[in-house]
Amino acid sequence: MSIAQKQHCPSCEEQRTFMQVATTNLNVGEKTKWRCQECGYRAVRIGSAVDTVTA
């Protein structure tokens, strides 16, 4: 089952639905990969330290 989340997409420049495509546990936190359903923009989050959606 996929997890969906509304986020601002830097590529589309508006709110879009991002689907979770992968999750991995690291020593610095959980690494989660997301993909925009509209344009395919990919983002990565690692715990609360790294978030490429807002980068």
N, C-alpha and C. Protein backbone atom coordinates (compact mmCIF):
# COMPACT_ATOMS: atom_id res chain seq x y z
N MET A 1 0.84 -1.18 0.00
CA MET A 1 0.00 0.00 0.00
C MET A 1 0.89 1.25 0.00
N SER A 2 0.63 2.16 -0.89
CA SER A 2 1.41 3.38 -1.01
C SER A 2 0.88 4.45 -0.06
N ILE A 3 1.79 5.29 0.37
CA ILE A 3 1.42 6.41 1.22
C ILE A 3 1.49 7.68 0.38
N ALA A 4 0.45 8.49 0.44
CA ALA A 4 0.40 9.74 -0.31
C ALA A 4 0.45 10.91 0.66
N GLN A 5 1.05 12.01 0.20
CA GLN A 5 1.18 13.19 1.03
C GLN A 5 1.16 14.43 0.14
N LYS A 6 0.39 15.43 0.53
CA LYS A 6 0.36 16.70 -0.20
C LYS A 6 1.58 17.52 0.20
N GLN A 7 2.31 18.01 -0.80
CA GLN A 7 3.50 18.83 -0.59
C GLN A 7 3.58 19.86 -1.70
N HIS A 8 4.35 20.90 -1.46
CA HIS A 8 4.64 21.86 -2.52
C HIS A 8 5.71 21.24 -3.41
N CYS A 9 5.46 21.14 -4.70
CA CYS A 9 6.42 20.59 -5.64
C CYS A 9 7.24 21.74 -6.25
N PRO A 10 8.56 21.73 -6.07
CA PRO A 10 9.39 22.79 -6.64
C PRO A 10 9.36 22.81 -8.17
N SER A 11 9.13 21.68 -8.78
CA SER A 11 9.10 21.61 -10.24
C SER A 11 7.77 22.14 -10.79
N CYS A 12 6.67 21.72 -10.20
CA CYS A 12 5.34 22.17 -10.64
C CYS A 12 5.00 23.56 -10.10
N GLU A 13 5.66 23.95 -9.03
CA GLU A 13 5.44 25.22 -8.33
C GLU A 13 4.03 25.36 -7.77
N GLU A 14 3.46 24.24 -7.32
CA GLU A 14 2.17 24.25 -6.62
C GLU A 14 2.01 22.98 -5.81
N GLN A 15 0.94 22.93 -5.01
CA GLN A 15 0.67 21.76 -4.18
C GLN A 15 0.37 20.55 -5.06
N ARG A 16 1.03 19.45 -4.78
CA ARG A 16 0.83 18.21 -5.53
C ARG A 16 0.82 17.03 -4.57
N THR A 17 0.36 15.91 -5.05
CA THR A 17 0.39 14.68 -4.27
C THR A 17 1.70 13.96 -4.54
N PHE A 18 2.43 13.68 -3.47
CA PHE A 18 3.65 12.90 -3.55
C PHE A 18 3.37 11.50 -3.02
N MET A 19 3.86 10.50 -3.73
CA MET A 19 3.71 9.11 -3.32
C MET A 19 5.03 8.63 -2.73
N GLN A 20 4.94 7.91 -1.63
CA GLN A 20 6.14 7.32 -1.03
C GLN A 20 6.57 6.15 -1.90
N VAL A 21 7.83 6.15 -2.33
CA VAL A 21 8.30 5.09 -3.21
C VAL A 21 9.30 4.16 -2.53
N ALA A 22 9.92 4.58 -1.42
CA ALA A 22 10.86 3.71 -0.71
C ALA A 22 11.11 4.25 0.69
N THR A 23 11.44 3.34 1.60
CA THR A 23 11.79 3.70 2.97
C THR A 23 12.93 2.80 3.43
N THR A 24 13.93 3.41 4.07
CA THR A 24 15.07 2.68 4.60
C THR A 24 15.41 3.26 5.97
N ASN A 25 15.74 2.40 6.91
CA ASN A 25 16.17 2.88 8.23
C ASN A 25 17.68 3.05 8.24
N LEU A 26 18.12 4.25 8.61
CA LEU A 26 19.54 4.57 8.71
C LEU A 26 19.86 4.92 10.16
N ASN A 27 21.15 5.02 10.47
CA ASN A 27 21.52 5.37 11.84
C ASN A 27 21.17 6.82 12.18
N VAL A 28 20.92 7.65 11.18
CA VAL A 28 20.56 9.06 11.42
C VAL A 28 19.06 9.30 11.32
N GLY A 29 18.30 8.26 11.05
CA GLY A 29 16.85 8.38 10.95
C GLY A 29 16.31 7.61 9.77
N GLU A 30 15.03 7.69 9.59
CA GLU A 30 14.39 6.99 8.49
C GLU A 30 14.54 7.78 7.19
N LYS A 31 15.01 7.13 6.14
CA LYS A 31 15.15 7.75 4.82
C LYS A 31 13.92 7.37 4.00
N THR A 32 13.21 8.39 3.54
CA THR A 32 12.00 8.17 2.78
C THR A 32 12.10 8.89 1.44
N LYS A 33 11.81 8.16 0.37
CA LYS A 33 11.83 8.75 -0.97
C LYS A 33 10.40 8.99 -1.42
N TRP A 34 10.17 10.18 -2.01
CA TRP A 34 8.85 10.59 -2.47
C TRP A 34 8.92 10.97 -3.94
N ARG A 35 7.80 10.82 -4.66
CA ARG A 35 7.74 11.19 -6.07
C ARG A 35 6.44 11.93 -6.34
N CYS A 36 6.55 13.06 -7.06
CA CYS A 36 5.38 13.84 -7.45
C CYS A 36 4.60 13.07 -8.50
N GLN A 37 3.31 12.94 -8.30
CA GLN A 37 2.45 12.21 -9.22
C GLN A 37 2.29 12.92 -10.56
N GLU A 38 2.44 14.23 -10.59
CA GLU A 38 2.23 14.99 -11.82
C GLU A 38 3.47 15.02 -12.71
N CYS A 39 4.62 15.38 -12.14
CA CYS A 39 5.80 15.61 -12.98
C CYS A 39 6.92 14.60 -12.77
N GLY A 40 6.83 13.79 -11.71
CA GLY A 40 7.87 12.81 -11.45
C GLY A 40 9.03 13.32 -10.61
N TYR A 41 8.95 14.58 -10.13
CA TYR A 41 10.00 15.13 -9.27
C TYR A 41 10.20 14.21 -8.08
N ARG A 42 11.45 13.91 -7.76
CA ARG A 42 11.75 13.02 -6.65
C ARG A 42 12.38 13.79 -5.50
N ALA A 43 11.98 13.43 -4.30
CA ALA A 43 12.49 14.09 -3.10
C ALA A 43 12.88 13.03 -2.07
N VAL A 44 13.80 13.41 -1.19
CA VAL A 44 14.27 12.51 -0.14
C VAL A 44 14.16 13.21 1.20
N ARG A 45 13.73 12.47 2.20
CA ARG A 45 13.73 12.96 3.58
C ARG A 45 14.52 11.96 4.41
N ILE A 46 15.40 12.48 5.26
CA ILE A 46 16.13 11.64 6.20
C ILE A 46 15.86 12.20 7.59
N GLY A 47 15.03 11.49 8.33
CA GLY A 47 14.64 11.97 9.66
C GLY A 47 14.10 13.39 9.56
N SER A 48 14.52 14.23 10.48
CA SER A 48 14.14 15.64 10.41
C SER A 48 15.31 16.50 9.97
N ALA A 49 16.44 15.86 9.64
CA ALA A 49 17.66 16.60 9.30
C ALA A 49 17.74 17.01 7.84
N VAL A 50 17.25 16.18 6.92
CA VAL A 50 17.38 16.45 5.49
C VAL A 50 16.01 16.34 4.84
N ASP A 51 15.66 17.35 4.04
CA ASP A 51 14.39 17.34 3.31
C ASP A 51 14.60 18.04 1.98
N THR A 52 14.71 17.27 0.90
CA THR A 52 14.97 17.88 -0.41
C THR A 52 13.73 18.48 -1.04
N VAL A 53 12.56 18.26 -0.47
CA VAL A 53 11.36 18.91 -0.99
C VAL A 53 11.45 20.40 -0.73
N THR A 54 11.94 20.77 0.44
CA THR A 54 12.02 22.18 0.80
C THR A 54 13.38 22.79 0.49
N ALA A 55 14.29 22.01 -0.03
CA ALA A 55 15.65 22.52 -0.32
C ALA A 55 15.64 23.43 -1.53
